[in-house]
Amino acid sequence: MAAQQDILQELPVSLRTEVAIHNCHDLLEMVPFFMDCEKGLIASIVTLLKPTVFLNGEIIIREGETSKGMFFIR
């Protein structure tokens, strides 16, 4: 994954954004929040997304905890 990030960092910001939108296409279609968002907002959000894999049964966050992130579970 680090090699992919290194390659992406070498791309111009506009191309990096297009790659991020392409990579998040399925997520953007399944999350109602994104349906009516302006393209600029979507572009800003997708460049900040960091894919993370959790194992089945793993605790992501506990009720009552404060999170600094937003999770989209697929």
C-alpha atoms as a PDB file:
ATOM      1  CA  MET A   1       0.000   0.000   0.000  1.00  0.00           C
ATOM      2  CA  ALA A   2       2.879   2.371   0.698  1.00  0.00           C
ATOM      3  CA  ALA A   3       4.082   2.075  -2.900  1.00  0.00           C
ATOM      4  CA  GLN A   4       0.618   3.029  -4.165  1.00  0.00           C
ATOM      5  CA  GLN A   5       0.556   6.064  -1.859  1.00  0.00           C
ATOM      6  CA  ASP A   6       4.033   7.090  -3.053  1.00  0.00           C
ATOM      7  CA  ILE A   7       2.918   6.904  -6.685  1.00  0.00           C
ATOM      8  CA  LEU A   8      -0.260   8.877  -5.974  1.00  0.00           C
ATOM      9  CA  GLN A   9       1.732  11.609  -4.211  1.00  0.00           C
ATOM     10  CA  GLU A  10       3.703  12.127  -7.431  1.00  0.00           C
ATOM     11  CA  LEU A  11       0.534  12.869  -9.443  1.00  0.00           C
ATOM     12  CA  PRO A  12      -0.897  16.353  -9.877  1.00  0.00           C
ATOM     13  CA  VAL A  13      -3.655  17.093  -7.342  1.00  0.00           C
ATOM     14  CA  SER A  14      -6.387  17.054  -9.994  1.00  0.00           C
ATOM     15  CA  LEU A  15      -5.371  13.604 -11.259  1.00  0.00           C
ATOM     16  CA  ARG A  16      -4.947  12.304  -7.691  1.00  0.00           C
ATOM     17  CA  THR A  17      -8.507  13.460  -6.969  1.00  0.00           C
ATOM     18  CA  GLU A  18      -9.841  11.704 -10.071  1.00  0.00           C
ATOM     19  CA  VAL A  19      -8.122   8.467  -9.000  1.00  0.00           C
ATOM     20  CA  ALA A  20      -9.605   8.777  -5.505  1.00  0.00           C
ATOM     21  CA  ILE A  21     -13.101   9.339  -6.924  1.00  0.00           C
ATOM     22  CA  HIS A  22     -12.679   6.330  -9.214  1.00  0.00           C
ATOM     23  CA  ASN A  23     -11.465   4.141  -6.337  1.00  0.00           C
ATOM     24  CA  CYS A  24     -14.404   5.224  -4.127  1.00  0.00           C
ATOM     25  CA  HIS A  25     -17.058   4.943  -6.835  1.00  0.00           C
ATOM     26  CA  ASP A  26     -18.931   2.045  -5.147  1.00  0.00           C
ATOM     27  CA  LEU A  27     -18.897   3.809  -1.784  1.00  0.00           C
ATOM     28  CA  LEU A  28     -20.147   7.061  -3.300  1.00  0.00           C
ATOM     29  CA  GLU A  29     -23.094   5.250  -4.872  1.00  0.00           C
ATOM     30  CA  MET A  30     -24.129   3.334  -1.743  1.00  0.00           C
ATOM     31  CA  VAL A  31     -23.974   6.139   0.860  1.00  0.00           C
ATOM     32  CA  PRO A  32     -27.065   8.386   0.686  1.00  0.00           C
ATOM     33  CA  PHE A  33     -25.094  11.294   2.181  1.00  0.00           C
ATOM     34  CA  PHE A  34     -23.150  11.627  -1.075  1.00  0.00           C
ATOM     35  CA  MET A  35     -26.176  11.565  -3.409  1.00  0.00           C
ATOM     36  CA  ASP A  36     -26.875  15.309  -3.381  1.00  0.00           C
ATOM     37  CA  CYS A  37     -23.372  16.586  -2.588  1.00  0.00           C
ATOM     38  CA  GLU A  38     -21.630  18.997  -4.900  1.00  0.00           C
ATOM     39  CA  LYS A  39     -18.681  17.572  -6.812  1.00  0.00           C
ATOM     40  CA  GLY A  40     -16.278  19.884  -4.975  1.00  0.00           C
ATOM     41  CA  LEU A  41     -17.335  18.530  -1.588  1.00  0.00           C
ATOM     42  CA  ILE A  42     -17.067  14.945  -2.805  1.00  0.00           C
ATOM     43  CA  ALA A  43     -13.602  15.657  -4.214  1.00  0.00           C
ATOM     44  CA  SER A  44     -12.511  17.118  -0.871  1.00  0.00           C
ATOM     45  CA  ILE A  45     -13.853  14.157   1.095  1.00  0.00           C
ATOM     46  CA  VAL A  46     -12.533  11.308  -1.077  1.00  0.00           C
ATOM     47  CA  THR A  47      -8.982  12.616  -0.918  1.00  0.00           C
ATOM     48  CA  LEU A  48      -9.145  12.275   2.876  1.00  0.00           C
ATOM     49  CA  LEU A  49     -10.586   8.749   2.989  1.00  0.00           C
ATOM     50  CA  LYS A  50      -8.265   6.017   4.223  1.00  0.00           C
ATOM     51  CA  PRO A  51      -9.358   2.448   3.575  1.00  0.00           C
ATOM     52  CA  THR A  52      -9.088   0.257   6.665  1.00  0.00           C
ATOM     53  CA  VAL A  53      -9.895  -3.413   7.020  1.00  0.00           C
ATOM     54  CA  PHE A  54     -11.422  -4.780  10.214  1.00  0.00           C
ATOM     55  CA  LEU A  55     -11.910  -8.459  10.875  1.00  0.00           C
ATOM     56  CA  ASN A  56     -15.348  -9.918  11.472  1.00  0.00           C
ATOM     57  CA  GLY A  57     -16.258  -9.384  15.129  1.00  0.00           C
ATOM     58  CA  GLU A  58     -13.545  -6.778  15.713  1.00  0.00           C
ATOM     59  CA  ILE A  59     -14.662  -3.729  17.708  1.00  0.00           C
ATOM     60  CA  ILE A  60     -14.341  -0.551  15.660  1.00  0.00           C
ATOM     61  CA  ILE A  61     -15.722   1.871  18.228  1.00  0.00           C
ATOM     62  CA  ARG A  62     -17.663   1.456  21.447  1.00  0.00           C
ATOM     63  CA  GLU A  63     -20.913   3.205  22.271  1.00  0.00           C
ATOM     64  CA  GLY A  64     -20.201   6.452  24.099  1.00  0.00           C
ATOM     65  CA  GLU A  65     -16.643   6.798  22.775  1.00  0.00           C
ATOM     66  CA  THR A  66     -15.654   9.933  20.909  1.00  0.00           C
ATOM     67  CA  SER A  67     -14.395   9.331  17.399  1.00  0.00           C
ATOM     68  CA  LYS A  68     -12.254  11.524  15.209  1.00  0.00           C
ATOM     69  CA  GLY A  69     -13.312   9.613  12.132  1.00  0.00           C
ATOM     70  CA  MET A  70     -16.290   8.638  10.044  1.00  0.00           C
ATOM     71  CA  PHE A  71     -16.747   4.981   9.180  1.00  0.00           C
ATOM     72  CA  PHE A  72     -18.465   3.554   6.112  1.00  0.00           C
ATOM     73  CA  ILE A  73     -19.031  -0.137   6.640  1.00  0.00           C
ATOM     74  CA  ARG A  74     -19.401  -2.375   3.645  1.00  0.00           C
END
